[in-house]
Amino acid sequence: MMWKRSVLIAIAIVVFLACSDIVSSESLTVTINLTDPQGIGEPIGNIILEDTKYGLLLTPDLSHLNPGIHGFHIHQNPDCGAAKQEDKIVPGLAAGDHYDPTNTGSHQGPYRDGHLGDLPPLFVSKDGTATTPVLAPRLKQADVIGHSIIVHLMGDNFSDEPKPLGGGGARLACGVI
């Protein structure tokens, strides 16, 4: 009877060690709020960030978004507030530009050598929820701590043409990492 217990414990340890090679045991949970001209809007869920041997896994659990594909990025500043641009208050502008620590100045998406903060698109289902994980192969948790995550109003073509920064438009939601 005792040997069965020992075998079960050994199997559990092997399974744990095998799984820890894919996803680290540490994860970060980022609260995501709608952006607002007066500051930060209502919370709409969270995104869990986990390091894997393939890159940073971002698992959203969001609601109250417009269905479709949305631009999704890590931005430079740890601030989701509104800021002034050309005498207009812009929600989420305090997050700054896309995270680009090597100053590439180029928006090429998550798989090429442009902004490090370019993430795969965020898919929002017909019911306004986003739960499909995305993998950012060039990022780790350590890279994004002290920055913010932005969900843009529209999709992203991972190019600066025909519109700058992929044409994602307004900053719809934000969370400080």
Protein backbone atom coordinates (compact mmCIF):
# COMPACT_ATOMS: atom_id res chain seq x y z
CA MET A 1 0.00 0.00 0.00
CA MET A 2 2.83 2.40 0.90
CA TRP A 3 4.68 1.66 -2.36
CA LYS A 4 1.58 2.66 -4.40
CA ARG A 5 1.56 6.01 -2.67
CA SER A 6 5.27 6.49 -3.39
CA VAL A 7 4.76 5.60 -7.06
CA LEU A 8 1.88 8.09 -7.34
CA ILE A 9 4.00 10.81 -5.75
CA ALA A 10 6.89 10.01 -8.14
CA ILE A 11 4.53 10.15 -11.14
CA ALA A 12 3.14 13.49 -9.94
CA ILE A 13 6.66 14.91 -9.62
CA VAL A 14 7.60 13.74 -13.15
CA VAL A 15 4.42 15.26 -14.62
CA PHE A 16 5.06 18.53 -12.78
CA LEU A 17 8.66 18.73 -13.99
CA ALA A 18 7.64 17.92 -17.57
CA CYS A 19 4.98 20.64 -17.56
CA SER A 20 7.27 23.21 -15.96
CA ASP A 21 9.49 22.97 -19.04
CA ILE A 22 6.64 24.44 -21.12
CA VAL A 23 5.19 27.04 -18.72
CA SER A 24 6.91 28.55 -15.71
CA SER A 25 5.18 28.27 -12.37
CA GLU A 26 5.08 32.05 -12.03
CA SER A 27 2.42 34.07 -13.79
CA LEU A 28 1.39 37.70 -13.73
CA THR A 29 -2.22 38.83 -13.79
CA VAL A 30 -2.88 42.24 -15.33
CA THR A 31 -6.23 43.97 -14.74
CA ILE A 32 -7.56 45.55 -17.93
CA ASN A 33 -9.81 48.63 -17.86
CA LEU A 34 -11.57 50.55 -20.60
CA THR A 35 -9.85 53.82 -21.37
CA ASP A 36 -11.65 57.03 -20.51
CA PRO A 37 -11.09 60.75 -21.21
CA GLN A 38 -11.29 61.40 -17.45
CA GLY A 39 -8.67 58.77 -16.60
CA ILE A 40 -9.25 55.05 -16.26
CA GLY A 41 -12.62 53.44 -17.03
CA GLU A 42 -14.39 50.36 -15.74
CA PRO A 43 -12.57 47.01 -15.46
CA ILE A 44 -13.34 44.50 -18.22
CA GLY A 45 -11.25 41.54 -17.06
CA ASN A 46 -7.64 40.48 -16.94
CA ILE A 47 -4.78 38.99 -18.92
CA ILE A 48 -2.48 36.34 -17.47
CA LEU A 49 1.17 36.50 -18.60
CA GLU A 50 3.27 33.33 -18.44
CA ASP A 51 6.78 32.61 -19.65
CA THR A 52 7.12 29.52 -21.84
CA LYS A 53 10.10 28.13 -23.69
CA TYR A 54 8.39 29.50 -26.84
CA GLY A 55 7.92 33.07 -25.60
CA LEU A 56 5.41 35.01 -23.51
CA LEU A 57 1.91 33.49 -23.39
CA LEU A 58 -0.86 36.06 -22.89
CA THR A 59 -4.20 34.55 -21.88
CA PRO A 60 -7.04 37.10 -21.89
CA ASP A 61 -10.29 36.85 -19.98
CA LEU A 62 -11.95 40.04 -21.21
CA SER A 63 -15.52 41.16 -21.87
CA HIS A 64 -17.43 44.24 -23.09
CA LEU A 65 -15.34 44.62 -26.25
CA ASN A 66 -16.41 45.08 -29.86
CA PRO A 67 -16.39 41.75 -31.76
CA GLY A 68 -13.59 41.21 -34.27
CA ILE A 69 -9.84 41.53 -34.48
CA HIS A 70 -8.09 44.21 -32.40
CA GLY A 71 -4.55 45.58 -32.41
CA PHE A 72 -2.78 44.44 -29.24
CA HIS A 73 0.51 45.87 -27.99
CA ILE A 74 2.86 46.41 -25.09
CA HIS A 75 3.31 50.17 -24.67
CA GLN A 76 6.24 52.03 -23.16
CA ASN A 77 4.79 53.62 -20.00
CA PRO A 78 3.11 52.01 -16.97
CA ASP A 79 0.18 54.43 -17.20
CA CYS A 80 -3.30 53.98 -18.68
CA GLY A 81 -4.52 57.52 -18.12
CA ALA A 82 -5.60 60.08 -20.65
CA ALA A 83 -3.16 62.71 -21.95
CA LYS A 84 -3.24 65.77 -24.19
CA GLN A 85 -2.32 65.62 -27.86
CA GLU A 86 -2.73 68.74 -30.00
CA ASP A 87 -5.04 70.32 -27.36
CA LYS A 88 -7.31 67.24 -27.26
CA ILE A 89 -7.62 64.75 -24.39
CA VAL A 90 -6.89 61.25 -25.73
CA PRO A 91 -7.89 58.21 -23.62
CA GLY A 92 -4.98 55.86 -22.87
CA LEU A 93 -2.37 58.16 -24.41
CA ALA A 94 -0.30 58.25 -21.20
CA ALA A 95 0.77 54.66 -22.04
CA GLY A 96 3.10 56.21 -24.63
CA ASP A 97 4.35 54.57 -27.82
CA HIS A 98 4.71 50.89 -28.65
CA TYR A 99 7.49 49.31 -26.58
CA ASP A 100 10.61 49.59 -28.77
CA PRO A 101 13.71 49.29 -26.53
CA THR A 102 16.14 49.04 -29.46
CA ASN A 103 14.61 52.07 -31.22
CA THR A 104 13.79 50.28 -34.46
CA GLY A 105 11.08 52.83 -35.21
CA SER A 106 9.39 50.12 -37.24
CA HIS A 107 6.02 48.41 -36.82
CA GLN A 108 6.47 44.88 -38.21
CA GLY A 109 4.41 42.63 -35.93
CA PRO A 110 5.38 40.03 -33.36
CA TYR A 111 7.50 37.79 -35.63
CA ARG A 112 9.88 40.29 -37.23
CA ASP A 113 12.49 42.74 -35.94
CA GLY A 114 10.38 45.85 -35.38
CA HIS A 115 8.82 47.04 -32.12
CA LEU A 116 9.29 44.45 -29.40
CA GLY A 117 5.84 45.38 -28.07
CA ASP A 118 3.98 44.25 -31.19
CA LEU A 119 1.72 41.34 -30.18
CA PRO A 120 -0.38 38.94 -32.23
CA PRO A 121 -3.94 40.22 -32.78
CA LEU A 122 -6.56 39.90 -30.07
CA PHE A 123 -9.69 38.06 -31.23
CA VAL A 124 -13.02 39.11 -29.67
CA SER A 125 -15.97 36.79 -30.22
CA LYS A 126 -19.53 37.81 -31.15
CA ASP A 127 -20.50 37.99 -27.48
CA GLY A 128 -17.79 40.61 -26.79
CA THR A 129 -15.41 38.30 -24.94
CA ALA A 130 -11.74 37.60 -25.61
CA THR A 131 -10.34 34.33 -24.24
CA THR A 132 -8.05 33.05 -27.00
CA PRO A 133 -4.40 33.03 -25.83
CA VAL A 134 -1.68 34.60 -27.96
CA LEU A 135 2.05 33.88 -27.96
CA ALA A 136 4.65 36.63 -28.26
CA PRO A 137 7.80 34.68 -29.23
CA ARG A 138 10.27 37.55 -28.70
CA LEU A 139 9.09 38.51 -25.20
CA LYS A 140 9.47 37.34 -21.60
CA GLN A 141 7.73 38.59 -18.44
CA ALA A 142 10.89 40.43 -17.44
CA ASP A 143 10.66 42.48 -20.66
CA VAL A 144 7.15 43.78 -20.02
CA ILE A 145 7.11 44.53 -16.28
CA GLY A 146 6.83 48.29 -15.81
CA HIS A 147 4.97 48.81 -19.09
CA SER A 148 1.31 48.60 -20.17
CA ILE A 149 -0.88 46.49 -22.45
CA ILE A 150 -3.19 48.28 -24.89
CA VAL A 151 -6.16 46.87 -26.82
CA HIS A 152 -6.84 49.07 -29.86
CA LEU A 153 -10.25 49.74 -31.36
CA MET A 154 -9.47 48.18 -34.74
CA GLY A 155 -7.23 45.49 -36.25
CA ASP A 156 -3.54 45.77 -37.02
CA ASN A 157 -1.89 45.04 -40.38
CA PHE A 158 1.66 45.03 -38.88
CA SER A 159 2.83 47.73 -41.23
CA ASP A 160 3.14 51.51 -41.20
CA GLU A 161 1.28 51.66 -44.53
CA PRO A 162 -1.35 52.78 -45.37
CA LYS A 163 -1.73 54.04 -41.76
CA PRO A 164 0.97 54.39 -39.10
CA LEU A 165 1.30 51.66 -36.47
CA GLY A 166 -0.89 49.19 -38.32
CA GLY A 167 -4.04 51.30 -38.31
CA GLY A 168 -5.31 50.02 -34.94
CA GLY A 169 -6.72 53.41 -34.08
CA ALA A 170 -7.99 54.49 -30.68
CA ARG A 171 -6.83 52.92 -27.44
CA LEU A 172 -9.89 51.02 -26.26
CA ALA A 173 -8.59 49.29 -23.12
CA CYS A 174 -5.41 49.24 -21.05
CA GLY A 175 -3.67 47.55 -18.14
CA VAL A 176 -0.47 48.37 -16.25
CA ILE A 177 1.92 45.44 -15.90
